Amino acid sequence: MGLAATRHTPSPGSGEGDADHLLEFIHAAGGTFRRLRSLLDEQVQPLGLMGAECLVLWLCATHAHHAGWAQQDLATAVGVSPALMSSLVEGLRKRGLMEMKRSPVDRRRQVWHLLAQGEDLLNQIRNSLGGIAQQIDDLVPLEEQQATQQVFARLSAPIAATAPELRTYDPDGLSGQLCLPATEQEGGK
């Protein structure tokens, strides 16, 4: 008997079909995430970096956070634990790629900024990723890429109080339930 013949068929209205769709979505998104991170790791490894370190450099270079990134925020954005992020930013600091400064917005906070050497390395990374980016552009039209990014932005943003069972990604389970709706500027609708 084949796998298709033994597959469980959910009963109508049971919610099992919805759960199966959700699990298929999670599986597909997870597989895509792992493949893209693997491609990133392969490209930055010759530069002495891991993909997560590359993402830290890129995030610190974005204009959206010109005031700098708090370490906890970087951990959440990259999808690693705060302990691992501590190790990553310390390694990048020792290499002269980043520095920690007092936040110009809140002097009690310390935030990470890219140094000139980090910007130079990020430019090298951008150049090395050009070929992969072109292959993805050839495979998936820009409109579909943008639509996918919007879907993921909505799913990763804080969820409205109407869906309390959904939470933002928290690798250590330290943040409580979030209930602020995402605005359009934050990627919500």
C-alpha atoms as a PDB file:
ATOM      1  CA  MET A   1       0.000   0.000   0.000  1.00  0.00           C
ATOM      2  CA  GLY A   2       1.450   3.407  -1.019  1.00  0.00           C
ATOM      3  CA  LEU A   3       1.785   6.485   1.130  1.00  0.00           C
ATOM      4  CA  ALA A   4      -1.036   8.248  -0.701  1.00  0.00           C
ATOM      5  CA  ALA A   5      -3.432   5.414   0.166  1.00  0.00           C
ATOM      6  CA  THR A   6      -2.604   5.606   3.879  1.00  0.00           C
ATOM      7  CA  ARG A   7      -2.752   9.384   4.185  1.00  0.00           C
ATOM      8  CA  HIS A   8      -5.223  10.606   6.772  1.00  0.00           C
ATOM      9  CA  THR A   9      -8.192  12.420   5.250  1.00  0.00           C
ATOM     10  CA  PRO A  10      -9.598  15.021   7.639  1.00  0.00           C
ATOM     11  CA  SER A  11     -13.333  15.097   8.173  1.00  0.00           C
ATOM     12  CA  PRO A  12     -15.073  18.223   6.847  1.00  0.00           C
ATOM     13  CA  GLY A  13     -15.443  21.019   9.402  1.00  0.00           C
ATOM     14  CA  SER A  14     -13.093  19.327  11.870  1.00  0.00           C
ATOM     15  CA  GLY A  15     -10.318  21.898  11.604  1.00  0.00           C
ATOM     16  CA  GLU A  16      -7.888  19.116  10.702  1.00  0.00           C
ATOM     17  CA  GLY A  17      -7.737  20.313   7.089  1.00  0.00           C
ATOM     18  CA  ASP A  18      -6.823  23.794   8.274  1.00  0.00           C
ATOM     19  CA  ALA A  19      -4.138  22.310  10.522  1.00  0.00           C
ATOM     20  CA  ASP A  20      -2.761  20.295   7.602  1.00  0.00           C
ATOM     21  CA  HIS A  21      -2.627  23.447   5.446  1.00  0.00           C
ATOM     22  CA  LEU A  22      -0.806  25.261   8.246  1.00  0.00           C
ATOM     23  CA  LEU A  23       1.683  22.418   8.659  1.00  0.00           C
ATOM     24  CA  GLU A  24       2.294  22.312   4.887  1.00  0.00           C
ATOM     25  CA  PHE A  25       2.889  26.083   4.935  1.00  0.00           C
ATOM     26  CA  ILE A  26       5.306  25.821   7.873  1.00  0.00           C
ATOM     27  CA  HIS A  27       7.128  22.954   6.189  1.00  0.00           C
ATOM     28  CA  ALA A  28       7.455  24.828   2.874  1.00  0.00           C
ATOM     29  CA  ALA A  29       8.527  28.089   4.533  1.00  0.00           C
ATOM     30  CA  GLY A  30      11.014  26.242   6.741  1.00  0.00           C
ATOM     31  CA  GLY A  31      12.524  24.388   3.803  1.00  0.00           C
ATOM     32  CA  THR A  32      12.870  27.620   1.858  1.00  0.00           C
ATOM     33  CA  PHE A  33      14.410  29.367   4.861  1.00  0.00           C
ATOM     34  CA  ARG A  34      16.957  26.565   5.358  1.00  0.00           C
ATOM     35  CA  ARG A  35      17.887  26.567   1.653  1.00  0.00           C
ATOM     36  CA  LEU A  36      18.347  30.338   1.505  1.00  0.00           C
ATOM     37  CA  ARG A  37      20.378  30.394   4.725  1.00  0.00           C
ATOM     38  CA  SER A  38      22.521  27.563   3.359  1.00  0.00           C
ATOM     39  CA  LEU A  39      23.171  29.565   0.177  1.00  0.00           C
ATOM     40  CA  LEU A  40      24.103  32.576   2.283  1.00  0.00           C
ATOM     41  CA  ASP A  41      26.432  30.486   4.460  1.00  0.00           C
ATOM     42  CA  GLU A  42      28.155  29.092   1.340  1.00  0.00           C
ATOM     43  CA  GLN A  43      28.734  32.575  -0.071  1.00  0.00           C
ATOM     44  CA  VAL A  44      30.062  34.239   3.082  1.00  0.00           C
ATOM     45  CA  GLN A  45      32.133  31.317   4.408  1.00  0.00           C
ATOM     46  CA  PRO A  46      35.150  32.221   2.196  1.00  0.00           C
ATOM     47  CA  LEU A  47      35.045  35.670   3.840  1.00  0.00           C
ATOM     48  CA  GLY A  48      35.305  34.081   7.276  1.00  0.00           C
ATOM     49  CA  LEU A  49      31.674  34.663   8.204  1.00  0.00           C
ATOM     50  CA  MET A  50      28.559  32.684   8.967  1.00  0.00           C
ATOM     51  CA  GLY A  51      25.226  33.657   7.445  1.00  0.00           C
ATOM     52  CA  ALA A  52      23.944  34.931  10.796  1.00  0.00           C
ATOM     53  CA  GLU A  53      26.949  37.274  11.064  1.00  0.00           C
ATOM     54  CA  CYS A  54      26.262  38.540   7.555  1.00  0.00           C
ATOM     55  CA  LEU A  55      22.669  39.296   8.529  1.00  0.00           C
ATOM     56  CA  VAL A  56      23.879  41.207  11.599  1.00  0.00           C
ATOM     57  CA  LEU A  57      26.160  43.348   9.415  1.00  0.00           C
ATOM     58  CA  TRP A  58      23.381  43.954   6.902  1.00  0.00           C
ATOM     59  CA  LEU A  59      20.831  44.848   9.596  1.00  0.00           C
ATOM     60  CA  CYS A  60      23.261  47.294  11.199  1.00  0.00           C
ATOM     61  CA  ALA A  61      23.762  48.946   7.812  1.00  0.00           C
ATOM     62  CA  THR A  62      20.041  49.482   7.155  1.00  0.00           C
ATOM     63  CA  HIS A  63      18.765  53.019   7.317  1.00  0.00           C
ATOM     64  CA  ALA A  64      15.661  51.859   9.186  1.00  0.00           C
ATOM     65  CA  HIS A  65      17.793  51.590  12.319  1.00  0.00           C
ATOM     66  CA  HIS A  66      20.169  54.519  11.869  1.00  0.00           C
ATOM     67  CA  ALA A  67      20.175  54.931  15.655  1.00  0.00           C
ATOM     68  CA  GLY A  68      21.699  51.443  15.948  1.00  0.00           C
ATOM     69  CA  TRP A  69      20.465  48.014  16.949  1.00  0.00           C
ATOM     70  CA  ALA A  70      20.084  46.752  20.491  1.00  0.00           C
ATOM     71  CA  GLN A  71      21.569  43.286  20.898  1.00  0.00           C
ATOM     72  CA  GLN A  72      18.221  41.714  21.889  1.00  0.00           C
ATOM     73  CA  ASP A  73      16.586  43.209  18.793  1.00  0.00           C
ATOM     74  CA  LEU A  74      19.352  41.793  16.610  1.00  0.00           C
ATOM     75  CA  ALA A  75      18.859  38.344  18.145  1.00  0.00           C
ATOM     76  CA  THR A  76      15.141  38.433  17.406  1.00  0.00           C
ATOM     77  CA  ALA A  77      15.641  39.774  13.872  1.00  0.00           C
ATOM     78  CA  VAL A  78      18.245  37.129  12.969  1.00  0.00           C
ATOM     79  CA  GLY A  79      16.372  34.332  14.745  1.00  0.00           C
ATOM     80  CA  VAL A  80      19.055  33.279  17.212  1.00  0.00           C
ATOM     81  CA  SER A  81      19.157  33.191  20.997  1.00  0.00           C
ATOM     82  CA  PRO A  82      20.456  36.233  22.897  1.00  0.00           C
ATOM     83  CA  ALA A  83      23.393  34.109  24.100  1.00  0.00           C
ATOM     84  CA  LEU A  84      24.418  33.242  20.541  1.00  0.00           C
ATOM     85  CA  MET A  85      23.947  36.861  19.445  1.00  0.00           C
ATOM     86  CA  SER A  86      26.277  37.949  22.237  1.00  0.00           C
ATOM     87  CA  SER A  87      28.952  35.684  20.812  1.00  0.00           C
ATOM     88  CA  LEU A  88      28.303  36.821  17.229  1.00  0.00           C
ATOM     89  CA  VAL A  89      28.525  40.559  17.900  1.00  0.00           C
ATOM     90  CA  GLU A  90      31.571  40.130  20.121  1.00  0.00           C
ATOM     91  CA  GLY A  91      33.337  38.266  17.318  1.00  0.00           C
ATOM     92  CA  LEU A  92      32.395  40.973  14.821  1.00  0.00           C
ATOM     93  CA  ARG A  93      33.590  43.649  17.251  1.00  0.00           C
ATOM     94  CA  LYS A  94      36.948  41.929  17.730  1.00  0.00           C
ATOM     95  CA  ARG A  95      37.374  41.859  13.944  1.00  0.00           C
ATOM     96  CA  GLY A  96      36.850  45.631  13.800  1.00  0.00           C
ATOM     97  CA  LEU A  97      33.570  45.363  11.894  1.00  0.00           C
ATOM     98  CA  MET A  98      31.180  46.763  14.506  1.00  0.00           C
ATOM     99  CA  GLU A  99      31.159  48.823  17.663  1.00  0.00           C
ATOM    100  CA  MET A 100      28.782  49.395  20.534  1.00  0.00           C
ATOM    101  CA  LYS A 101      27.777  52.962  21.416  1.00  0.00           C
ATOM    102  CA  ARG A 102      25.274  54.699  23.609  1.00  0.00           C
ATOM    103  CA  SER A 103      21.976  55.182  21.804  1.00  0.00           C
ATOM    104  CA  PRO A 104      21.451  58.755  20.641  1.00  0.00           C
ATOM    105  CA  VAL A 105      17.725  58.232  21.285  1.00  0.00           C
ATOM    106  CA  ASP A 106      17.970  56.674  24.766  1.00  0.00           C
ATOM    107  CA  ARG A 107      21.321  57.216  26.494  1.00  0.00           C
ATOM    108  CA  ARG A 108      20.615  54.294  28.871  1.00  0.00           C
ATOM    109  CA  ARG A 109      20.754  51.821  25.979  1.00  0.00           C
ATOM    110  CA  GLN A 110      23.773  50.591  24.085  1.00  0.00           C
ATOM    111  CA  VAL A 111      23.413  49.827  20.410  1.00  0.00           C
ATOM    112  CA  TRP A 112      25.556  48.273  17.688  1.00  0.00           C
ATOM    113  CA  HIS A 113      26.813  50.172  14.641  1.00  0.00           C
ATOM    114  CA  LEU A 114      28.799  49.136  11.597  1.00  0.00           C
ATOM    115  CA  LEU A 115      32.332  50.503  11.244  1.00  0.00           C
ATOM    116  CA  ALA A 116      33.966  51.377   7.912  1.00  0.00           C
ATOM    117  CA  GLN A 117      35.636  47.956   7.700  1.00  0.00           C
ATOM    118  CA  GLY A 118      32.224  46.321   8.274  1.00  0.00           C
ATOM    119  CA  GLU A 119      30.711  48.431   5.495  1.00  0.00           C
ATOM    120  CA  ASP A 120      33.519  47.397   3.147  1.00  0.00           C
ATOM    121  CA  LEU A 121      32.975  43.719   3.965  1.00  0.00           C
ATOM    122  CA  LEU A 122      29.221  44.103   3.483  1.00  0.00           C
ATOM    123  CA  ASN A 123      29.873  45.559   0.017  1.00  0.00           C
ATOM    124  CA  GLN A 124      32.006  42.494  -0.808  1.00  0.00           C
ATOM    125  CA  ILE A 125      29.168  40.270   0.389  1.00  0.00           C
ATOM    126  CA  ARG A 126      26.635  42.136  -1.738  1.00  0.00           C
ATOM    127  CA  ASN A 127      28.856  41.634  -4.786  1.00  0.00           C
ATOM    128  CA  SER A 128      29.264  37.905  -4.086  1.00  0.00           C
ATOM    129  CA  LEU A 129      25.504  37.446  -3.666  1.00  0.00           C
ATOM    130  CA  GLY A 130      24.701  39.076  -7.007  1.00  0.00           C
ATOM    131  CA  GLY A 131      24.786  35.823  -8.963  1.00  0.00           C
ATOM    132  CA  ILE A 132      22.452  34.033  -6.562  1.00  0.00           C
ATOM    133  CA  ALA A 133      20.120  37.020  -6.492  1.00  0.00           C
ATOM    134  CA  GLN A 134      19.952  36.937 -10.304  1.00  0.00           C
ATOM    135  CA  GLN A 135      19.178  33.203 -10.296  1.00  0.00           C
ATOM    136  CA  ILE A 136      16.351  33.759  -7.826  1.00  0.00           C
ATOM    137  CA  ASP A 137      15.076  36.701  -9.895  1.00  0.00           C
ATOM    138  CA  ASP A 138      15.024  34.421 -12.957  1.00  0.00           C
ATOM    139  CA  LEU A 139      13.131  31.740 -11.025  1.00  0.00           C
ATOM    140  CA  VAL A 140      10.716  33.952  -9.079  1.00  0.00           C
ATOM    141  CA  PRO A 141       9.497  37.244 -10.568  1.00  0.00           C
ATOM    142  CA  LEU A 142      10.080  40.365  -8.478  1.00  0.00           C
ATOM    143  CA  GLU A 143       6.336  40.842  -7.873  1.00  0.00           C
ATOM    144  CA  GLU A 144       6.098  37.358  -6.326  1.00  0.00           C
ATOM    145  CA  GLN A 145       9.194  37.995  -4.204  1.00  0.00           C
ATOM    146  CA  GLN A 146       7.668  41.235  -2.901  1.00  0.00           C
ATOM    147  CA  ALA A 147       4.326  39.556  -2.203  1.00  0.00           C
ATOM    148  CA  THR A 148       6.101  36.762  -0.310  1.00  0.00           C
ATOM    149  CA  GLN A 149       8.074  39.292   1.735  1.00  0.00           C
ATOM    150  CA  GLN A 150       4.830  41.063   2.616  1.00  0.00           C
ATOM    151  CA  VAL A 151       3.243  37.788   3.743  1.00  0.00           C
ATOM    152  CA  PHE A 152       6.241  36.925   5.922  1.00  0.00           C
ATOM    153  CA  ALA A 153       6.330  40.486   7.330  1.00  0.00           C
ATOM    154  CA  ARG A 154       2.666  40.200   8.356  1.00  0.00           C
ATOM    155  CA  LEU A 155       3.240  36.791   9.907  1.00  0.00           C
ATOM    156  CA  SER A 156       6.332  37.881  11.847  1.00  0.00           C
ATOM    157  CA  ALA A 157       4.883  41.185  13.100  1.00  0.00           C
ATOM    158  CA  PRO A 158       3.121  41.421  16.446  1.00  0.00           C
ATOM    159  CA  ILE A 159      -0.358  40.005  16.099  1.00  0.00           C
ATOM    160  CA  ALA A 160      -3.545  41.849  17.029  1.00  0.00           C
ATOM    161  CA  ALA A 161      -5.413  40.979  20.217  1.00  0.00           C
ATOM    162  CA  THR A 162      -7.983  39.171  18.076  1.00  0.00           C
ATOM    163  CA  ALA A 163      -5.493  36.314  17.604  1.00  0.00           C
ATOM    164  CA  PRO A 164      -3.886  35.842  21.044  1.00  0.00           C
ATOM    165  CA  GLU A 165      -2.576  32.376  20.202  1.00  0.00           C
ATOM    166  CA  LEU A 166      -0.178  33.858  17.638  1.00  0.00           C
ATOM    167  CA  ARG A 167       3.044  35.426  18.871  1.00  0.00           C
ATOM    168  CA  THR A 168       6.144  36.878  17.285  1.00  0.00           C
ATOM    169  CA  TYR A 169       9.152  34.586  16.977  1.00  0.00           C
ATOM    170  CA  ASP A 170      10.970  34.384  20.309  1.00  0.00           C
ATOM    171  CA  PRO A 171      13.734  31.741  20.266  1.00  0.00           C
ATOM    172  CA  ASP A 172      14.060  31.646  24.061  1.00  0.00           C
ATOM    173  CA  GLY A 173      10.414  32.053  24.983  1.00  0.00           C
ATOM    174  CA  LEU A 174      11.266  35.154  27.039  1.00  0.00           C
ATOM    175  CA  SER A 175       8.834  37.680  25.645  1.00  0.00           C
ATOM    176  CA  GLY A 176       5.212  37.488  26.623  1.00  0.00           C
ATOM    177  CA  GLN A 177       2.221  37.545  24.380  1.00  0.00           C
ATOM    178  CA  LEU A 178       2.255  40.535  22.056  1.00  0.00           C
ATOM    179  CA  CYS A 179      -0.993  42.205  21.136  1.00  0.00           C
ATOM    180  CA  LEU A 180      -0.143  45.298  19.112  1.00  0.00           C
ATOM    181  CA  PRO A 181      -1.449  45.338  15.540  1.00  0.00           C
ATOM    182  CA  ALA A 182       1.113  45.972  12.825  1.00  0.00           C
ATOM    183  CA  THR A 183       0.695  49.235  10.969  1.00  0.00           C
ATOM    184  CA  GLU A 184       1.093  49.503   7.202  1.00  0.00           C
ATOM    185  CA  GLN A 185       4.512  51.108   7.712  1.00  0.00           C
ATOM    186  CA  GLU A 186       5.588  48.056   9.748  1.00  0.00           C
ATOM    187  CA  GLY A 187       4.457  45.639   7.044  1.00  0.00           C
ATOM    188  CA  GLY A 188       0.901  45.039   8.253  1.00  0.00           C
ATOM    189  CA  LYS A 189      -2.359  45.767   6.490  1.00  0.00           C
END
